[in-house]
């Protein structure tokens, strides 16, 4: 297989999982990261951490223990080799010049491999905070949209001329089930991901006549290092956190104690963290991407991850009125 895939945000979380799994499936993978150099051992450690199964060991759900690694044995046996095969390029999705330079470099290297260039773009780079609409600063709001929405748009606009020239291509943009329904105290994230979903739907119609396929991917809660990074970013701490620091995370929600939202946000934080710890691993989403890439005529959007979340969100949005839906959603989060 000589198909070249570009994956943004491929140094951790979902992006790293996609990069490893698609390499395992025979694709040539170009990953992007804001860092100049990446430690291969650290990438391996992150992948294994993200695919560790966690189980609660007390009724209060404040203590967990690690279980098995939720990844195919054959893949794990090749993990070092697979990571070594991924070619990384430095890219800052908030910079027009950085994106254009990186895409041009990747296109040139892709042509040397398959004679035609980049086949597939998986837009994955993202960032998240935790806080109320009122408490998060305008800079945090802007940063969320600059990376989660405008960052994707920059990459798409940089890569499209090459796909137009070739007469084919495929783009998968990572949205979220949180872009389908609002998540309290992550409204900024839901808003950006909703914008990604609409962007993908519009692009699908605009690019269909040019033989460029576009889909939005809407993952459910996934247990990745992204969740820990969200905590670190919002708390502005340099502590080395892992999934098992659950008690510390539950006791210290990333919101100021003098905020009028503190008591309510603490309830929501508890629900979110306890859900994420036992959520599916990133490979669940990576497998969905591999299936999408095999389809001759992919759909406009796909959901991936927890069956319960996918089913319930789809059901309530189709059957019940919004007033009922959001009343139940608020109760679920303890509001």
C-alpha atoms as a PDB file:
ATOM      1  CA  UNK A   1       0.000   0.000   0.000  1.00  0.00           C
ATOM      2  CA  UNK A   2       1.406   3.386  -1.023  1.00  0.00           C
ATOM      3  CA  UNK A   3      -1.302   5.599   0.461  1.00  0.00           C
ATOM      4  CA  UNK A   4       0.142   8.475   2.465  1.00  0.00           C
ATOM      5  CA  UNK A   5      -1.824   9.726   5.479  1.00  0.00           C
ATOM      6  CA  UNK A   6      -1.183  13.020   7.277  1.00  0.00           C
ATOM      7  CA  UNK A   7      -2.334  13.056  10.918  1.00  0.00           C
ATOM      8  CA  UNK A   8      -2.211  16.301  12.882  1.00  0.00           C
ATOM      9  CA  UNK A   9      -1.628  16.182  16.635  1.00  0.00           C
ATOM     10  CA  UNK A  10      -0.038  12.747  16.297  1.00  0.00           C
ATOM     11  CA  UNK A  11       2.296  12.834  19.293  1.00  0.00           C
ATOM     12  CA  UNK A  12      -0.268  11.802  21.920  1.00  0.00           C
ATOM     13  CA  UNK A  13      -3.819  10.632  22.533  1.00  0.00           C
ATOM     14  CA  UNK A  14      -6.056   9.858  19.581  1.00  0.00           C
ATOM     15  CA  UNK A  15      -3.556  11.135  17.021  1.00  0.00           C
ATOM     16  CA  UNK A  16      -0.777   8.858  18.256  1.00  0.00           C
ATOM     17  CA  UNK A  17      -3.141   5.895  18.302  1.00  0.00           C
ATOM     18  CA  UNK A  18      -4.279   6.638  14.727  1.00  0.00           C
ATOM     19  CA  UNK A  19      -0.670   6.963  13.568  1.00  0.00           C
ATOM     20  CA  UNK A  20       0.372   3.631  15.075  1.00  0.00           C
ATOM     21  CA  UNK A  21      -2.745   1.725  14.000  1.00  0.00           C
ATOM     22  CA  UNK A  22      -2.747   2.980  10.407  1.00  0.00           C
ATOM     23  CA  UNK A  23       0.968   2.172  10.139  1.00  0.00           C
ATOM     24  CA  UNK A  24       0.055  -1.300  11.427  1.00  0.00           C
ATOM     25  CA  UNK A  25      -2.564  -1.498   8.651  1.00  0.00           C
ATOM     26  CA  UNK A  26       0.002  -0.695   5.954  1.00  0.00           C
ATOM     27  CA  UNK A  27      -0.403   3.047   5.417  1.00  0.00           C
ATOM     28  CA  UNK A  28       2.546   5.414   5.206  1.00  0.00           C
ATOM     29  CA  UNK A  29       1.959   7.856   8.053  1.00  0.00           C
ATOM     30  CA  UNK A  30       3.193  11.430   8.375  1.00  0.00           C
ATOM     31  CA  UNK A  31       2.433  12.777  11.849  1.00  0.00           C
ATOM     32  CA  UNK A  32       2.610  16.379  12.978  1.00  0.00           C
ATOM     33  CA  UNK A  33       3.585  17.816  16.343  1.00  0.00           C
ATOM     34  CA  UNK A  34       4.473  21.211  17.757  1.00  0.00           C
ATOM     35  CA  UNK A  35       7.752  19.750  19.016  1.00  0.00           C
ATOM     36  CA  UNK A  36      10.912  19.691  16.933  1.00  0.00           C
ATOM     37  CA  UNK A  37      11.964  16.223  18.110  1.00  0.00           C
ATOM     38  CA  UNK A  38      10.031  13.395  19.731  1.00  0.00           C
ATOM     39  CA  UNK A  39      11.229  10.714  22.132  1.00  0.00           C
ATOM     40  CA  UNK A  40      10.206   7.333  20.681  1.00  0.00           C
ATOM     41  CA  UNK A  41      10.264   5.729  24.130  1.00  0.00           C
ATOM     42  CA  UNK A  42       7.909   8.415  25.425  1.00  0.00           C
ATOM     43  CA  UNK A  43       5.533   7.821  22.497  1.00  0.00           C
ATOM     44  CA  UNK A  44       5.471   4.129  23.394  1.00  0.00           C
ATOM     45  CA  UNK A  45       4.841   4.930  27.050  1.00  0.00           C
ATOM     46  CA  UNK A  46       1.960   7.266  26.157  1.00  0.00           C
ATOM     47  CA  UNK A  47       0.363   4.686  23.869  1.00  0.00           C
ATOM     48  CA  UNK A  48       0.539   1.969  26.532  1.00  0.00           C
ATOM     49  CA  UNK A  49      -0.810   4.331  29.190  1.00  0.00           C
ATOM     50  CA  UNK A  50      -3.733   5.347  26.991  1.00  0.00           C
ATOM     51  CA  UNK A  51      -4.592   1.703  26.314  1.00  0.00           C
ATOM     52  CA  UNK A  52      -4.416   0.489  29.899  1.00  0.00           C
ATOM     53  CA  UNK A  53      -7.751  -0.741  31.224  1.00  0.00           C
ATOM     54  CA  UNK A  54      -8.646   0.864  34.549  1.00  0.00           C
ATOM     55  CA  UNK A  55     -11.104  -0.527  37.095  1.00  0.00           C
ATOM     56  CA  UNK A  56     -12.578   1.086  40.188  1.00  0.00           C
ATOM     57  CA  UNK A  57     -11.757  -0.744  43.409  1.00  0.00           C
ATOM     58  CA  UNK A  58     -14.086   1.088  45.828  1.00  0.00           C
ATOM     59  CA  UNK A  59     -17.735   2.166  45.871  1.00  0.00           C
ATOM     60  CA  UNK A  60     -16.844   5.856  45.959  1.00  0.00           C
ATOM     61  CA  UNK A  61     -14.997   5.448  42.646  1.00  0.00           C
ATOM     62  CA  UNK A  62     -11.960   7.275  43.958  1.00  0.00           C
ATOM     63  CA  UNK A  63      -9.439   4.445  43.611  1.00  0.00           C
ATOM     64  CA  UNK A  64      -8.514   2.481  40.514  1.00  0.00           C
ATOM     65  CA  UNK A  65      -6.186  -0.312  39.539  1.00  0.00           C
ATOM     66  CA  UNK A  66      -4.558  -1.002  36.215  1.00  0.00           C
ATOM     67  CA  UNK A  67      -5.627  -4.008  34.182  1.00  0.00           C
ATOM     68  CA  UNK A  68      -4.607  -5.379  30.814  1.00  0.00           C
ATOM     69  CA  UNK A  69      -3.461  -3.419  27.767  1.00  0.00           C
ATOM     70  CA  UNK A  70      -6.408  -3.062  25.367  1.00  0.00           C
ATOM     71  CA  UNK A  71      -4.555  -3.534  22.082  1.00  0.00           C
ATOM     72  CA  UNK A  72      -3.951  -6.488  19.727  1.00  0.00           C
ATOM     73  CA  UNK A  73      -1.050  -8.689  20.792  1.00  0.00           C
ATOM     74  CA  UNK A  74       0.393  -8.607  17.273  1.00  0.00           C
ATOM     75  CA  UNK A  75       0.411  -4.807  17.305  1.00  0.00           C
ATOM     76  CA  UNK A  76       2.047  -4.690  20.736  1.00  0.00           C
ATOM     77  CA  UNK A  77       4.771  -7.081  19.576  1.00  0.00           C
ATOM     78  CA  UNK A  78       5.579  -4.663  16.725  1.00  0.00           C
ATOM     79  CA  UNK A  79       5.075  -1.438  18.677  1.00  0.00           C
ATOM     80  CA  UNK A  80       8.690  -0.219  18.584  1.00  0.00           C
ATOM     81  CA  UNK A  81       8.930  -0.915  14.845  1.00  0.00           C
ATOM     82  CA  UNK A  82       5.594   0.760  14.103  1.00  0.00           C
ATOM     83  CA  UNK A  83       6.543   3.935  15.987  1.00  0.00           C
ATOM     84  CA  UNK A  84       9.902   4.029  14.189  1.00  0.00           C
ATOM     85  CA  UNK A  85       8.093   3.926  10.820  1.00  0.00           C
ATOM     86  CA  UNK A  86       6.073   7.084  11.522  1.00  0.00           C
ATOM     87  CA  UNK A  87       7.660  10.215  10.050  1.00  0.00           C
ATOM     88  CA  UNK A  88       7.068  13.324  12.163  1.00  0.00           C
ATOM     89  CA  UNK A  89       7.009  16.927  10.965  1.00  0.00           C
ATOM     90  CA  UNK A  90       6.943  20.050  13.088  1.00  0.00           C
ATOM     91  CA  UNK A  91       3.714  21.995  12.630  1.00  0.00           C
ATOM     92  CA  UNK A  92       1.961  24.678  14.644  1.00  0.00           C
ATOM     93  CA  UNK A  93      -1.661  24.678  13.475  1.00  0.00           C
ATOM     94  CA  UNK A  94      -2.118  28.233  14.781  1.00  0.00           C
ATOM     95  CA  UNK A  95       0.481  29.560  12.319  1.00  0.00           C
ATOM     96  CA  UNK A  96      -0.332  29.983   8.615  1.00  0.00           C
ATOM     97  CA  UNK A  97       3.328  29.850   7.616  1.00  0.00           C
ATOM     98  CA  UNK A  98       4.086  26.783   9.752  1.00  0.00           C
ATOM     99  CA  UNK A  99       1.142  24.884   8.274  1.00  0.00           C
ATOM    100  CA  UNK A 100       1.957  25.810   4.667  1.00  0.00           C
ATOM    101  CA  UNK A 101       5.639  24.917   5.050  1.00  0.00           C
ATOM    102  CA  UNK A 102       4.901  21.575   6.705  1.00  0.00           C
ATOM    103  CA  UNK A 103       2.224  20.564   4.181  1.00  0.00           C
ATOM    104  CA  UNK A 104       4.481  21.485   1.245  1.00  0.00           C
ATOM    105  CA  UNK A 105       7.328  19.443   2.734  1.00  0.00           C
ATOM    106  CA  UNK A 106       5.052  16.463   3.351  1.00  0.00           C
ATOM    107  CA  UNK A 107       3.592  16.670  -0.155  1.00  0.00           C
ATOM    108  CA  UNK A 108       7.087  16.582  -1.650  1.00  0.00           C
ATOM    109  CA  UNK A 109       8.095  13.580   0.456  1.00  0.00           C
ATOM    110  CA  UNK A 110       4.806  11.817  -0.321  1.00  0.00           C
ATOM    111  CA  UNK A 111       5.413  12.204  -4.059  1.00  0.00           C
ATOM    112  CA  UNK A 112       8.801  10.553  -3.625  1.00  0.00           C
ATOM    113  CA  UNK A 113       6.977   7.567  -2.126  1.00  0.00           C
ATOM    114  CA  UNK A 114       3.903   7.154  -4.343  1.00  0.00           C
ATOM    115  CA  UNK A 115       4.455   9.603  -7.244  1.00  0.00           C
ATOM    116  CA  UNK A 116       1.253  11.555  -6.566  1.00  0.00           C
ATOM    117  CA  UNK A 117       1.359  13.013  -3.044  1.00  0.00           C
ATOM    118  CA  UNK A 118      -0.745  13.044   0.113  1.00  0.00           C
ATOM    119  CA  UNK A 119      -3.848  10.862  -0.150  1.00  0.00           C
ATOM    120  CA  UNK A 120      -5.549  11.394   3.200  1.00  0.00           C
ATOM    121  CA  UNK A 121      -5.726  14.082   5.886  1.00  0.00           C
ATOM    122  CA  UNK A 122      -6.873  13.231   9.402  1.00  0.00           C
ATOM    123  CA  UNK A 123      -7.390  16.524  11.226  1.00  0.00           C
ATOM    124  CA  UNK A 124      -6.962  15.689  14.875  1.00  0.00           C
ATOM    125  CA  UNK A 125      -4.991  18.387  16.734  1.00  0.00           C
ATOM    126  CA  UNK A 126      -6.987  19.733  19.662  1.00  0.00           C
ATOM    127  CA  UNK A 127      -6.946  21.370  23.072  1.00  0.00           C
ATOM    128  CA  UNK A 128      -9.350  21.585  25.996  1.00  0.00           C
ATOM    129  CA  UNK A 129      -9.916  23.469  29.245  1.00  0.00           C
ATOM    130  CA  UNK A 130     -12.451  23.137  32.054  1.00  0.00           C
ATOM    131  CA  UNK A 131     -14.411  26.123  33.258  1.00  0.00           C
ATOM    132  CA  UNK A 132     -17.606  28.108  32.966  1.00  0.00           C
ATOM    133  CA  UNK A 133     -18.458  30.397  30.085  1.00  0.00           C
ATOM    134  CA  UNK A 134     -17.974  33.274  32.521  1.00  0.00           C
ATOM    135  CA  UNK A 135     -14.715  32.164  34.151  1.00  0.00           C
ATOM    136  CA  UNK A 136     -12.633  31.102  31.177  1.00  0.00           C
ATOM    137  CA  UNK A 137     -10.697  34.033  29.763  1.00  0.00           C
ATOM    138  CA  UNK A 138     -11.242  35.332  26.249  1.00  0.00           C
ATOM    139  CA  UNK A 139      -7.710  34.147  25.487  1.00  0.00           C
ATOM    140  CA  UNK A 140      -8.691  30.600  26.466  1.00  0.00           C
ATOM    141  CA  UNK A 141     -11.797  30.825  24.293  1.00  0.00           C
ATOM    142  CA  UNK A 142      -9.731  32.129  21.375  1.00  0.00           C
ATOM    143  CA  UNK A 143      -7.076  29.459  21.885  1.00  0.00           C
ATOM    144  CA  UNK A 144      -9.728  26.731  21.863  1.00  0.00           C
ATOM    145  CA  UNK A 145     -11.133  27.918  18.536  1.00  0.00           C
ATOM    146  CA  UNK A 146      -7.737  28.756  17.051  1.00  0.00           C
ATOM    147  CA  UNK A 147      -6.538  25.175  17.534  1.00  0.00           C
ATOM    148  CA  UNK A 148      -9.743  23.099  17.406  1.00  0.00           C
ATOM    149  CA  UNK A 149     -11.424  24.919  14.513  1.00  0.00           C
ATOM    150  CA  UNK A 150      -9.215  27.430  12.722  1.00  0.00           C
ATOM    151  CA  UNK A 151      -6.238  25.085  13.042  1.00  0.00           C
ATOM    152  CA  UNK A 152      -8.144  22.444  11.105  1.00  0.00           C
ATOM    153  CA  UNK A 153      -9.236  25.033   8.570  1.00  0.00           C
ATOM    154  CA  UNK A 154      -5.631  26.164   8.007  1.00  0.00           C
ATOM    155  CA  UNK A 155      -4.500  22.609   7.321  1.00  0.00           C
ATOM    156  CA  UNK A 156      -7.428  21.947   4.973  1.00  0.00           C
ATOM    157  CA  UNK A 157      -6.781  25.133   2.985  1.00  0.00           C
ATOM    158  CA  UNK A 158      -3.078  24.286   2.709  1.00  0.00           C
ATOM    159  CA  UNK A 159      -3.642  20.732   1.485  1.00  0.00           C
ATOM    160  CA  UNK A 160      -6.601  21.290  -0.860  1.00  0.00           C
ATOM    161  CA  UNK A 161      -4.605  22.740  -3.800  1.00  0.00           C
ATOM    162  CA  UNK A 162      -2.611  19.498  -3.986  1.00  0.00           C
ATOM    163  CA  UNK A 163      -5.780  17.384  -3.852  1.00  0.00           C
ATOM    164  CA  UNK A 164      -7.440  19.558  -6.521  1.00  0.00           C
ATOM    165  CA  UNK A 165      -4.401  19.178  -8.779  1.00  0.00           C
ATOM    166  CA  UNK A 166      -4.453  15.408  -8.338  1.00  0.00           C
ATOM    167  CA  UNK A 167      -8.218  15.095  -8.688  1.00  0.00           C
ATOM    168  CA  UNK A 168      -8.753  13.069  -5.507  1.00  0.00           C
ATOM    169  CA  UNK A 169      -8.331  13.040  -1.757  1.00  0.00           C
ATOM    170  CA  UNK A 170      -9.976  12.283   1.560  1.00  0.00           C
ATOM    171  CA  UNK A 171     -10.336  14.380   4.710  1.00  0.00           C
ATOM    172  CA  UNK A 172     -11.536  13.226   8.126  1.00  0.00           C
ATOM    173  CA  UNK A 173     -12.085  15.988  10.685  1.00  0.00           C
ATOM    174  CA  UNK A 174     -12.249  15.071  14.371  1.00  0.00           C
ATOM    175  CA  UNK A 175     -15.348  16.601  15.928  1.00  0.00           C
ATOM    176  CA  UNK A 176     -16.926  15.106  19.070  1.00  0.00           C
ATOM    177  CA  UNK A 177     -20.197  13.861  20.496  1.00  0.00           C
ATOM    178  CA  UNK A 178     -19.665  16.936  22.658  1.00  0.00           C
ATOM    179  CA  UNK A 179     -20.264  18.925  19.474  1.00  0.00           C
ATOM    180  CA  UNK A 180     -23.634  17.208  19.124  1.00  0.00           C
ATOM    181  CA  UNK A 181     -24.815  18.089  22.639  1.00  0.00           C
ATOM    182  CA  UNK A 182     -23.337  20.711  24.967  1.00  0.00           C
ATOM    183  CA  UNK A 183     -21.148  19.596  27.882  1.00  0.00           C
ATOM    184  CA  UNK A 184     -21.430  21.896  30.927  1.00  0.00           C
ATOM    185  CA  UNK A 185     -18.195  23.663  31.855  1.00  0.00           C
ATOM    186  CA  UNK A 186     -16.780  22.574  28.510  1.00  0.00           C
ATOM    187  CA  UNK A 187     -19.089  24.768  26.464  1.00  0.00           C
ATOM    188  CA  UNK A 188     -16.122  26.303  24.625  1.00  0.00           C
ATOM    189  CA  UNK A 189     -14.984  22.836  23.525  1.00  0.00           C
ATOM    190  CA  UNK A 190     -18.506  21.783  22.471  1.00  0.00           C
ATOM    191  CA  UNK A 191     -18.934  25.000  20.484  1.00  0.00           C
ATOM    192  CA  UNK A 192     -15.646  24.505  18.613  1.00  0.00           C
ATOM    193  CA  UNK A 193     -16.416  20.853  17.873  1.00  0.00           C
ATOM    194  CA  UNK A 194     -19.912  21.753  16.662  1.00  0.00           C
ATOM    195  CA  UNK A 195     -18.270  24.198  14.259  1.00  0.00           C
ATOM    196  CA  UNK A 196     -15.993  21.401  13.008  1.00  0.00           C
ATOM    197  CA  UNK A 197     -19.033  19.217  12.322  1.00  0.00           C
ATOM    198  CA  UNK A 198     -20.744  21.949  10.288  1.00  0.00           C
ATOM    199  CA  UNK A 199     -17.489  22.746   8.464  1.00  0.00           C
ATOM    200  CA  UNK A 200     -17.189  19.097   7.456  1.00  0.00           C
ATOM    201  CA  UNK A 201     -20.779  18.918   6.238  1.00  0.00           C
ATOM    202  CA  UNK A 202     -20.333  22.027   4.097  1.00  0.00           C
ATOM    203  CA  UNK A 203     -17.001  20.824   2.703  1.00  0.00           C
ATOM    204  CA  UNK A 204     -18.533  17.470   1.852  1.00  0.00           C
ATOM    205  CA  UNK A 205     -20.997  19.173  -0.479  1.00  0.00           C
ATOM    206  CA  UNK A 206     -18.486  21.644  -1.926  1.00  0.00           C
ATOM    207  CA  UNK A 207     -15.768  19.075  -2.674  1.00  0.00           C
ATOM    208  CA  UNK A 208     -17.830  16.097  -3.802  1.00  0.00           C
ATOM    209  CA  UNK A 209     -17.660  17.177  -7.455  1.00  0.00           C
ATOM    210  CA  UNK A 210     -13.847  17.262  -7.212  1.00  0.00           C
ATOM    211  CA  UNK A 211     -13.645  13.645  -5.975  1.00  0.00           C
ATOM    212  CA  UNK A 212     -12.509  14.767  -2.517  1.00  0.00           C
ATOM    213  CA  UNK A 213     -14.330  12.942   0.274  1.00  0.00           C
ATOM    214  CA  UNK A 214     -14.955  14.680   3.600  1.00  0.00           C
ATOM    215  CA  UNK A 215     -16.307  13.187   6.828  1.00  0.00           C
ATOM    216  CA  UNK A 216     -16.644  14.311  10.433  1.00  0.00           C
ATOM    217  CA  UNK A 217     -15.718  11.838  13.155  1.00  0.00           C
ATOM    218  CA  UNK A 218     -17.540  12.236  16.481  1.00  0.00           C
ATOM    219  CA  UNK A 219     -15.847  10.249  19.278  1.00  0.00           C
ATOM    220  CA  UNK A 220     -17.495   9.682  22.644  1.00  0.00           C
ATOM    221  CA  UNK A 221     -15.533   9.992  25.892  1.00  0.00           C
ATOM    222  CA  UNK A 222     -12.138   8.354  25.322  1.00  0.00           C
ATOM    223  CA  UNK A 223      -9.566   7.752  28.063  1.00  0.00           C
ATOM    224  CA  UNK A 224      -6.406   9.441  26.813  1.00  0.00           C
ATOM    225  CA  UNK A 225      -3.626  11.682  28.086  1.00  0.00           C
ATOM    226  CA  UNK A 226      -5.621  14.550  26.501  1.00  0.00           C
ATOM    227  CA  UNK A 227      -7.816  14.464  29.616  1.00  0.00           C
ATOM    228  CA  UNK A 228      -4.813  14.785  31.919  1.00  0.00           C
ATOM    229  CA  UNK A 229      -3.465  17.621  29.767  1.00  0.00           C
ATOM    230  CA  UNK A 230      -6.813  19.405  30.077  1.00  0.00           C
ATOM    231  CA  UNK A 231      -6.400  19.272  33.854  1.00  0.00           C
ATOM    232  CA  UNK A 232      -2.783  20.453  33.717  1.00  0.00           C
ATOM    233  CA  UNK A 233      -3.564  23.312  31.337  1.00  0.00           C
ATOM    234  CA  UNK A 234      -6.433  24.636  33.396  1.00  0.00           C
ATOM    235  CA  UNK A 235      -4.637  24.283  36.726  1.00  0.00           C
ATOM    236  CA  UNK A 236      -1.400  25.633  35.235  1.00  0.00           C
ATOM    237  CA  UNK A 237       0.601  23.001  37.083  1.00  0.00           C
ATOM    238  CA  UNK A 238       3.767  21.209  36.079  1.00  0.00           C
ATOM    239  CA  UNK A 239       2.988  18.154  38.165  1.00  0.00           C
ATOM    240  CA  UNK A 240       3.477  14.831  36.437  1.00  0.00           C
ATOM    241  CA  UNK A 241      -0.056  13.451  36.486  1.00  0.00           C
ATOM    242  CA  UNK A 242      -1.278  10.021  35.433  1.00  0.00           C
ATOM    243  CA  UNK A 243      -4.719   8.417  35.316  1.00  0.00           C
ATOM    244  CA  UNK A 244      -4.217   6.860  38.743  1.00  0.00           C
ATOM    245  CA  UNK A 245      -3.969  10.250  40.456  1.00  0.00           C
ATOM    246  CA  UNK A 246      -7.737  10.096  40.626  1.00  0.00           C
ATOM    247  CA  UNK A 247      -8.204  11.193  44.234  1.00  0.00           C
ATOM    248  CA  UNK A 248      -6.047  14.272  43.668  1.00  0.00           C
ATOM    249  CA  UNK A 249      -7.986  15.194  40.532  1.00  0.00           C
ATOM    250  CA  UNK A 250     -11.398  14.726  42.164  1.00  0.00           C
ATOM    251  CA  UNK A 251     -10.424  16.777  45.208  1.00  0.00           C
ATOM    252  CA  UNK A 252      -9.021  19.634  43.127  1.00  0.00           C
ATOM    253  CA  UNK A 253     -11.330  20.541  40.243  1.00  0.00           C
ATOM    254  CA  UNK A 254      -9.614  22.944  37.817  1.00  0.00           C
ATOM    255  CA  UNK A 255     -11.696  25.960  38.737  1.00  0.00           C
ATOM    256  CA  UNK A 256     -11.021  28.754  41.239  1.00  0.00           C
ATOM    257  CA  UNK A 257     -12.622  28.187  44.658  1.00  0.00           C
ATOM    258  CA  UNK A 258     -13.876  31.775  44.760  1.00  0.00           C
ATOM    259  CA  UNK A 259     -15.845  31.257  41.535  1.00  0.00           C
ATOM    260  CA  UNK A 260     -19.623  31.408  41.879  1.00  0.00           C
ATOM    261  CA  UNK A 261     -19.644  28.206  39.794  1.00  0.00           C
ATOM    262  CA  UNK A 262     -17.277  26.223  42.025  1.00  0.00           C
ATOM    263  CA  UNK A 263     -19.804  23.964  43.821  1.00  0.00           C
ATOM    264  CA  UNK A 264     -21.665  23.108  40.618  1.00  0.00           C
ATOM    265  CA  UNK A 265     -18.513  22.678  38.557  1.00  0.00           C
ATOM    266  CA  UNK A 266     -17.077  20.300  41.161  1.00  0.00           C
ATOM    267  CA  UNK A 267     -20.077  17.969  40.676  1.00  0.00           C
ATOM    268  CA  UNK A 268     -19.677  18.044  36.911  1.00  0.00           C
ATOM    269  CA  UNK A 269     -15.926  17.513  37.185  1.00  0.00           C
ATOM    270  CA  UNK A 270     -16.485  14.383  39.286  1.00  0.00           C
ATOM    271  CA  UNK A 271     -18.862  12.876  36.713  1.00  0.00           C
ATOM    272  CA  UNK A 272     -16.561  13.714  33.801  1.00  0.00           C
ATOM    273  CA  UNK A 273     -13.392  12.336  35.414  1.00  0.00           C
ATOM    274  CA  UNK A 274     -15.007   9.134  36.669  1.00  0.00           C
ATOM    275  CA  UNK A 275     -16.503   8.509  33.234  1.00  0.00           C
ATOM    276  CA  UNK A 276     -13.267   9.173  31.379  1.00  0.00           C
ATOM    277  CA  UNK A 277     -11.179   6.825  33.522  1.00  0.00           C
ATOM    278  CA  UNK A 278     -13.254   3.819  32.395  1.00  0.00           C
ATOM    279  CA  UNK A 279     -13.982   5.048  28.865  1.00  0.00           C
ATOM    280  CA  UNK A 280     -12.875   3.087  25.770  1.00  0.00           C
ATOM    281  CA  UNK A 281      -9.242   3.382  24.618  1.00  0.00           C
ATOM    282  CA  UNK A 282      -8.209   5.414  21.544  1.00  0.00           C
ATOM    283  CA  UNK A 283      -7.876   2.322  19.332  1.00  0.00           C
ATOM    284  CA  UNK A 284     -11.679   2.103  19.260  1.00  0.00           C
ATOM    285  CA  UNK A 285     -11.661   5.349  17.272  1.00  0.00           C
ATOM    286  CA  UNK A 286      -8.600   4.349  15.217  1.00  0.00           C
ATOM    287  CA  UNK A 287     -10.382   1.190  14.074  1.00  0.00           C
ATOM    288  CA  UNK A 288     -13.357   3.295  12.995  1.00  0.00           C
ATOM    289  CA  UNK A 289     -11.048   5.487  10.901  1.00  0.00           C
ATOM    290  CA  UNK A 290      -9.558   2.416   9.215  1.00  0.00           C
ATOM    291  CA  UNK A 291     -13.094   1.282   8.313  1.00  0.00           C
ATOM    292  CA  UNK A 292     -13.995   4.723   6.945  1.00  0.00           C
ATOM    293  CA  UNK A 293     -10.888   4.696   4.742  1.00  0.00           C
ATOM    294  CA  UNK A 294     -11.942   1.360   3.246  1.00  0.00           C
ATOM    295  CA  UNK A 295     -15.376   2.623   2.244  1.00  0.00           C
ATOM    296  CA  UNK A 296     -15.882   3.607  -1.376  1.00  0.00           C
ATOM    297  CA  UNK A 297     -18.508   6.194  -0.464  1.00  0.00           C
ATOM    298  CA  UNK A 298     -18.003   7.298   3.159  1.00  0.00           C
ATOM    299  CA  UNK A 299     -20.821   8.993   5.042  1.00  0.00           C
ATOM    300  CA  UNK A 300     -20.773  12.645   6.062  1.00  0.00           C
ATOM    301  CA  UNK A 301     -20.361  11.815   9.757  1.00  0.00           C
ATOM    302  CA  UNK A 302     -19.529   8.870  11.981  1.00  0.00           C
ATOM    303  CA  UNK A 303     -19.744   8.276  15.702  1.00  0.00           C
ATOM    304  CA  UNK A 304     -17.138   6.208  17.538  1.00  0.00           C
ATOM    305  CA  UNK A 305     -16.470   4.991  21.050  1.00  0.00           C
ATOM    306  CA  UNK A 306     -18.859   4.133  23.870  1.00  0.00           C
ATOM    307  CA  UNK A 307     -21.972   2.340  22.608  1.00  0.00           C
ATOM    308  CA  UNK A 308     -24.038   3.733  25.476  1.00  0.00           C
ATOM    309  CA  UNK A 309     -23.123   7.339  24.731  1.00  0.00           C
ATOM    310  CA  UNK A 310     -23.567   6.960  20.976  1.00  0.00           C
ATOM    311  CA  UNK A 311     -26.937   5.254  21.372  1.00  0.00           C
ATOM    312  CA  UNK A 312     -28.345   7.513  24.069  1.00  0.00           C
ATOM    313  CA  UNK A 313     -27.280  10.785  22.455  1.00  0.00           C
ATOM    314  CA  UNK A 314     -28.634   9.739  19.059  1.00  0.00           C
ATOM    315  CA  UNK A 315     -31.865   8.512  20.625  1.00  0.00           C
ATOM    316  CA  UNK A 316     -32.656  11.509  22.782  1.00  0.00           C
ATOM    317  CA  UNK A 317     -31.850  14.006  20.035  1.00  0.00           C
ATOM    318  CA  UNK A 318     -34.172  12.251  17.590  1.00  0.00           C
ATOM    319  CA  UNK A 319     -37.101  11.413  19.852  1.00  0.00           C
ATOM    320  CA  UNK A 320     -37.377  13.904  22.709  1.00  0.00           C
ATOM    321  CA  UNK A 321     -37.649  17.720  22.735  1.00  0.00           C
ATOM    322  CA  UNK A 322     -34.577  19.752  23.649  1.00  0.00           C
ATOM    323  CA  UNK A 323     -36.094  20.944  26.940  1.00  0.00           C
ATOM    324  CA  UNK A 324     -36.402  17.361  28.150  1.00  0.00           C
ATOM    325  CA  UNK A 325     -32.997  16.379  26.761  1.00  0.00           C
ATOM    326  CA  UNK A 326     -31.084  19.136  28.501  1.00  0.00           C
ATOM    327  CA  UNK A 327     -33.030  18.703  31.758  1.00  0.00           C
ATOM    328  CA  UNK A 328     -31.935  15.057  31.824  1.00  0.00           C
ATOM    329  CA  UNK A 329     -28.396  15.959  30.773  1.00  0.00           C
ATOM    330  CA  UNK A 330     -28.129  18.515  33.586  1.00  0.00           C
ATOM    331  CA  UNK A 331     -29.320  15.924  36.111  1.00  0.00           C
ATOM    332  CA  UNK A 332     -26.790  13.434  34.784  1.00  0.00           C
ATOM    333  CA  UNK A 333     -24.018  15.934  35.528  1.00  0.00           C
ATOM    334  CA  UNK A 334     -25.447  16.761  38.963  1.00  0.00           C
ATOM    335  CA  UNK A 335     -26.842  20.188  38.074  1.00  0.00           C
END
